[in-house]
Amino acid sequence: MSLKFSREIELLLIKLAAKPITLGEMLEETAERGFSLIISLLALPFLFPMPPGLSSVMGTGCLVLGGQMALGSKSPWLPQRVAKFKFPRSLCQKLLQNVRRLTLRLEIILCPRWKRVATNIYVWKSNGFCIAWLSILLMLPIPFTNPLPASTILLLAIATLEADGLVMCIGYFFTIVNTVFFFFIGYAFWQAPNLLPNFFR
């Protein structure tokens, strides 16, 4: 099966690599699908090593779009600073190679399922809330944790685009896993001042 995600994201990346365009221009081209496509495009770089300085723009974009989905919006909008962002050509080429590998794995698990769930407006809002929450976790300054929330954001965004209600539910499960994981990291940092003196006794 050929995924809508793989076709559309590859076309966007090829276009970006040939002639960089802004995220705002991409949103105009993709309309309602822009939510899932742009969120996917913004989350993808967090799965791989990327140039410094891009994470805040990409994380903010995911947060804003996820928040709009949570409010039930069907017309995506980005702040001017994020809307004017252009992907570096080298990053686009690297992402394009990785997307092709990723698609081969996604095609095994993704297909239109549980359409009553997938097309429900409350599920759309729930997806947006989870993506917004995961974007906050994504932007926390904790080293080596980016792939965890980024992969769940990507899973929810693609499941939304492919109308796969089952994978959306799996995405909710991993959202809970992420929340518990970051809660324990936060708890460990909070307890660190008390634990360290005992550790060095």
Protein backbone atom coordinates (compact mmCIF):
# COMPACT_ATOMS: atom_id res chain seq x y z
CA MET A 1 0.00 0.00 0.00
CA SER A 2 1.26 3.50 -0.81
CA LEU A 3 0.63 5.98 1.99
CA LYS A 4 -0.72 9.49 1.39
CA PHE A 5 1.87 10.63 3.92
CA SER A 6 4.82 9.19 1.98
CA ARG A 7 3.67 10.65 -1.34
CA GLU A 8 2.88 14.12 -0.04
CA ILE A 9 5.83 14.49 2.32
CA GLU A 10 8.27 13.40 -0.41
CA LEU A 11 6.78 15.93 -2.84
CA LEU A 12 7.17 18.67 -0.22
CA LEU A 13 10.76 17.71 0.54
CA ILE A 14 11.69 17.53 -3.16
CA LYS A 15 10.15 20.97 -3.66
CA LEU A 16 12.02 22.32 -0.62
CA ALA A 17 15.32 20.85 -1.77
CA ALA A 18 14.94 22.35 -5.26
CA LYS A 19 13.70 25.78 -4.21
CA PRO A 20 13.24 26.49 -0.48
CA ILE A 21 9.78 27.85 0.36
CA THR A 22 8.42 28.98 3.70
CA LEU A 23 6.23 26.91 6.02
CA GLY A 24 3.51 29.54 5.50
CA GLU A 25 3.55 28.94 1.74
CA MET A 26 3.35 25.18 2.31
CA LEU A 27 0.31 25.63 4.55
CA GLU A 28 -1.43 27.57 1.79
CA GLU A 29 -0.81 24.69 -0.63
CA THR A 30 -1.88 21.86 1.67
CA ALA A 31 -5.03 23.41 3.29
CA GLU A 32 -6.58 21.16 6.00
CA ARG A 33 -4.04 18.40 5.27
CA GLY A 34 -1.43 20.98 6.26
CA PHE A 35 -1.95 20.23 9.93
CA SER A 36 -0.71 16.65 9.63
CA LEU A 37 1.83 17.30 6.87
CA ILE A 38 3.52 20.30 8.46
CA ILE A 39 3.50 18.71 11.93
CA SER A 40 5.12 15.60 10.41
CA LEU A 41 7.68 17.73 8.59
CA LEU A 42 8.50 19.63 11.81
CA ALA A 43 8.73 16.48 13.96
CA LEU A 44 10.85 14.41 11.54
CA PRO A 45 14.19 16.22 12.14
CA PHE A 46 14.00 15.42 15.87
CA LEU A 47 14.40 11.72 15.06
CA PHE A 48 17.86 12.33 13.55
CA PRO A 49 20.87 14.55 14.35
CA MET A 50 20.15 18.06 13.07
CA PRO A 51 21.82 21.50 12.99
CA PRO A 52 21.56 23.53 16.23
CA GLY A 53 19.11 26.41 16.47
CA LEU A 54 16.21 24.77 14.64
CA SER A 55 14.53 22.97 17.54
CA SER A 56 12.78 26.01 19.04
CA VAL A 57 11.19 27.02 15.72
CA MET A 58 10.08 23.48 14.89
CA GLY A 59 8.84 22.75 18.41
CA THR A 60 6.87 26.01 18.47
CA GLY A 61 5.30 25.15 15.11
CA CYS A 62 4.16 21.73 16.38
CA LEU A 63 2.79 23.31 19.56
CA VAL A 64 0.83 26.02 17.74
CA LEU A 65 -0.66 23.64 15.15
CA GLY A 66 -1.47 21.02 17.79
CA GLY A 67 -3.17 23.69 19.91
CA GLN A 68 -5.31 24.78 16.97
CA MET A 69 -6.35 21.16 16.35
CA ALA A 70 -7.25 20.83 20.05
CA LEU A 71 -9.56 23.83 19.62
CA GLY A 72 -11.24 22.16 16.62
CA SER A 73 -9.75 24.45 13.96
CA LYS A 74 -9.61 23.17 10.38
CA SER A 75 -7.64 26.12 8.98
CA PRO A 76 -3.98 26.03 10.09
CA TRP A 77 -2.14 29.21 11.03
CA LEU A 78 1.44 29.84 12.16
CA PRO A 79 3.08 32.81 13.91
CA GLN A 80 4.99 35.00 11.46
CA ARG A 81 8.41 33.94 12.81
CA VAL A 82 7.60 30.26 12.25
CA ALA A 83 5.68 30.83 8.98
CA LYS A 84 8.77 32.49 7.45
CA PHE A 85 11.02 29.56 8.36
CA LYS A 86 12.72 27.77 5.44
CA PHE A 87 14.25 24.33 5.76
CA PRO A 88 17.97 24.26 4.87
CA ARG A 89 18.45 22.42 1.58
CA SER A 90 20.97 19.97 3.11
CA LEU A 91 18.45 19.06 5.84
CA CYS A 92 15.72 18.46 3.24
CA GLN A 93 17.93 16.06 1.29
CA LYS A 94 18.84 14.16 4.46
CA LEU A 95 15.19 13.99 5.54
CA LEU A 96 14.13 12.77 2.10
CA GLN A 97 16.47 9.78 2.37
CA ASN A 98 15.24 8.98 5.91
CA VAL A 99 11.56 9.39 4.97
CA ARG A 100 11.92 6.72 2.29
CA ARG A 101 13.32 4.29 4.87
CA LEU A 102 10.66 5.23 7.42
CA THR A 103 7.84 4.79 4.91
CA LEU A 104 8.77 1.16 4.28
CA ARG A 105 8.14 0.45 7.98
CA LEU A 106 5.02 2.58 8.26
CA GLU A 107 3.35 0.87 5.30
CA ILE A 108 3.33 -2.36 7.32
CA ILE A 109 1.20 -0.93 10.15
CA LEU A 110 -0.81 1.98 8.68
CA CYS A 111 -4.07 1.82 6.74
CA PRO A 112 -7.55 3.39 7.01
CA ARG A 113 -9.21 1.67 10.02
CA TRP A 114 -11.80 2.45 12.65
CA LYS A 115 -13.11 5.32 10.53
CA ARG A 116 -15.78 6.27 13.08
CA VAL A 117 -12.97 6.96 15.51
CA ALA A 118 -10.63 8.53 12.94
CA THR A 119 -13.18 11.04 11.61
CA ASN A 120 -14.73 12.04 14.95
CA ILE A 121 -14.27 15.75 15.77
CA TYR A 122 -13.50 14.95 19.41
CA VAL A 123 -10.76 12.54 18.33
CA TRP A 124 -9.38 15.31 16.07
CA LYS A 125 -9.29 17.58 19.13
CA SER A 126 -7.72 14.84 21.27
CA ASN A 127 -5.00 14.32 18.65
CA GLY A 128 -4.29 18.05 18.71
CA PHE A 129 -4.13 18.15 22.51
CA CYS A 130 -1.70 15.20 22.59
CA ILE A 131 0.48 16.76 19.87
CA ALA A 132 0.55 20.11 21.73
CA TRP A 133 1.44 18.39 25.02
CA LEU A 134 4.16 16.28 23.38
CA SER A 135 5.55 19.43 21.73
CA ILE A 136 6.02 20.94 25.19
CA LEU A 137 7.89 17.81 26.29
CA LEU A 138 9.89 17.99 23.05
CA MET A 139 11.11 21.51 23.84
CA LEU A 140 12.27 20.69 27.38
CA PRO A 141 16.07 21.14 27.61
CA ILE A 142 16.77 17.49 28.45
CA PRO A 143 19.54 15.90 26.32
CA PHE A 144 18.85 12.79 24.19
CA THR A 145 15.08 12.70 24.85
CA ASN A 146 13.81 14.36 21.63
CA PRO A 147 13.12 11.16 19.65
CA LEU A 148 10.60 9.92 22.25
CA PRO A 149 7.94 12.67 21.96
CA ALA A 150 8.87 13.36 18.30
CA SER A 151 8.11 9.77 17.24
CA THR A 152 4.73 9.89 19.03
CA ILE A 153 3.87 13.25 17.43
CA LEU A 154 4.76 11.76 14.05
CA LEU A 155 2.64 8.67 14.74
CA LEU A 156 -0.43 10.78 15.64
CA ALA A 157 0.04 13.16 12.70
CA ILE A 158 0.37 10.35 10.16
CA ALA A 159 -2.52 8.37 11.69
CA THR A 160 -4.67 11.51 11.34
CA LEU A 161 -3.67 11.92 7.69
CA GLU A 162 -4.23 8.23 6.93
CA ALA A 163 -7.52 8.03 8.94
CA ASP A 164 -6.18 5.13 11.03
CA GLY A 165 -8.16 5.12 14.29
CA LEU A 166 -6.30 2.11 15.68
CA VAL A 167 -2.89 3.77 15.35
CA MET A 168 -4.34 6.95 16.90
CA CYS A 169 -5.20 4.90 19.99
CA ILE A 170 -1.66 3.49 20.01
CA GLY A 171 -0.46 7.10 19.83
CA TYR A 172 -2.52 7.93 22.93
CA PHE A 173 -0.87 5.03 24.77
CA PHE A 174 2.60 6.32 23.87
CA THR A 175 1.57 9.84 24.92
CA ILE A 176 0.90 8.42 28.40
CA VAL A 177 4.25 6.57 28.30
CA ASN A 178 6.03 9.84 27.39
CA THR A 179 4.23 11.71 30.17
CA VAL A 180 5.20 9.11 32.80
CA PHE A 181 8.80 9.01 31.51
CA PHE A 182 9.22 12.81 31.69
CA PHE A 183 7.47 12.91 35.07
CA PHE A 184 10.09 10.51 36.47
CA ILE A 185 12.91 12.54 34.92
CA GLY A 186 11.47 15.69 36.52
CA TYR A 187 11.05 13.89 39.83
CA ALA A 188 14.67 12.66 39.65
CA PHE A 189 15.95 16.22 39.05
CA TRP A 190 13.79 17.51 41.91
CA GLN A 191 15.15 14.85 44.27
CA ALA A 192 18.76 15.18 43.07
CA PRO A 193 19.84 17.80 45.68
CA ASN A 194 18.69 15.45 48.44
CA LEU A 195 20.00 12.25 46.89
CA LEU A 196 23.50 13.42 45.88
CA PRO A 197 24.82 14.07 49.45
CA ASN A 198 23.67 10.58 50.50
CA PHE A 199 25.26 9.06 47.38
CA PHE A 200 28.71 10.50 48.19
CA ARG A 201 28.71 9.49 51.89
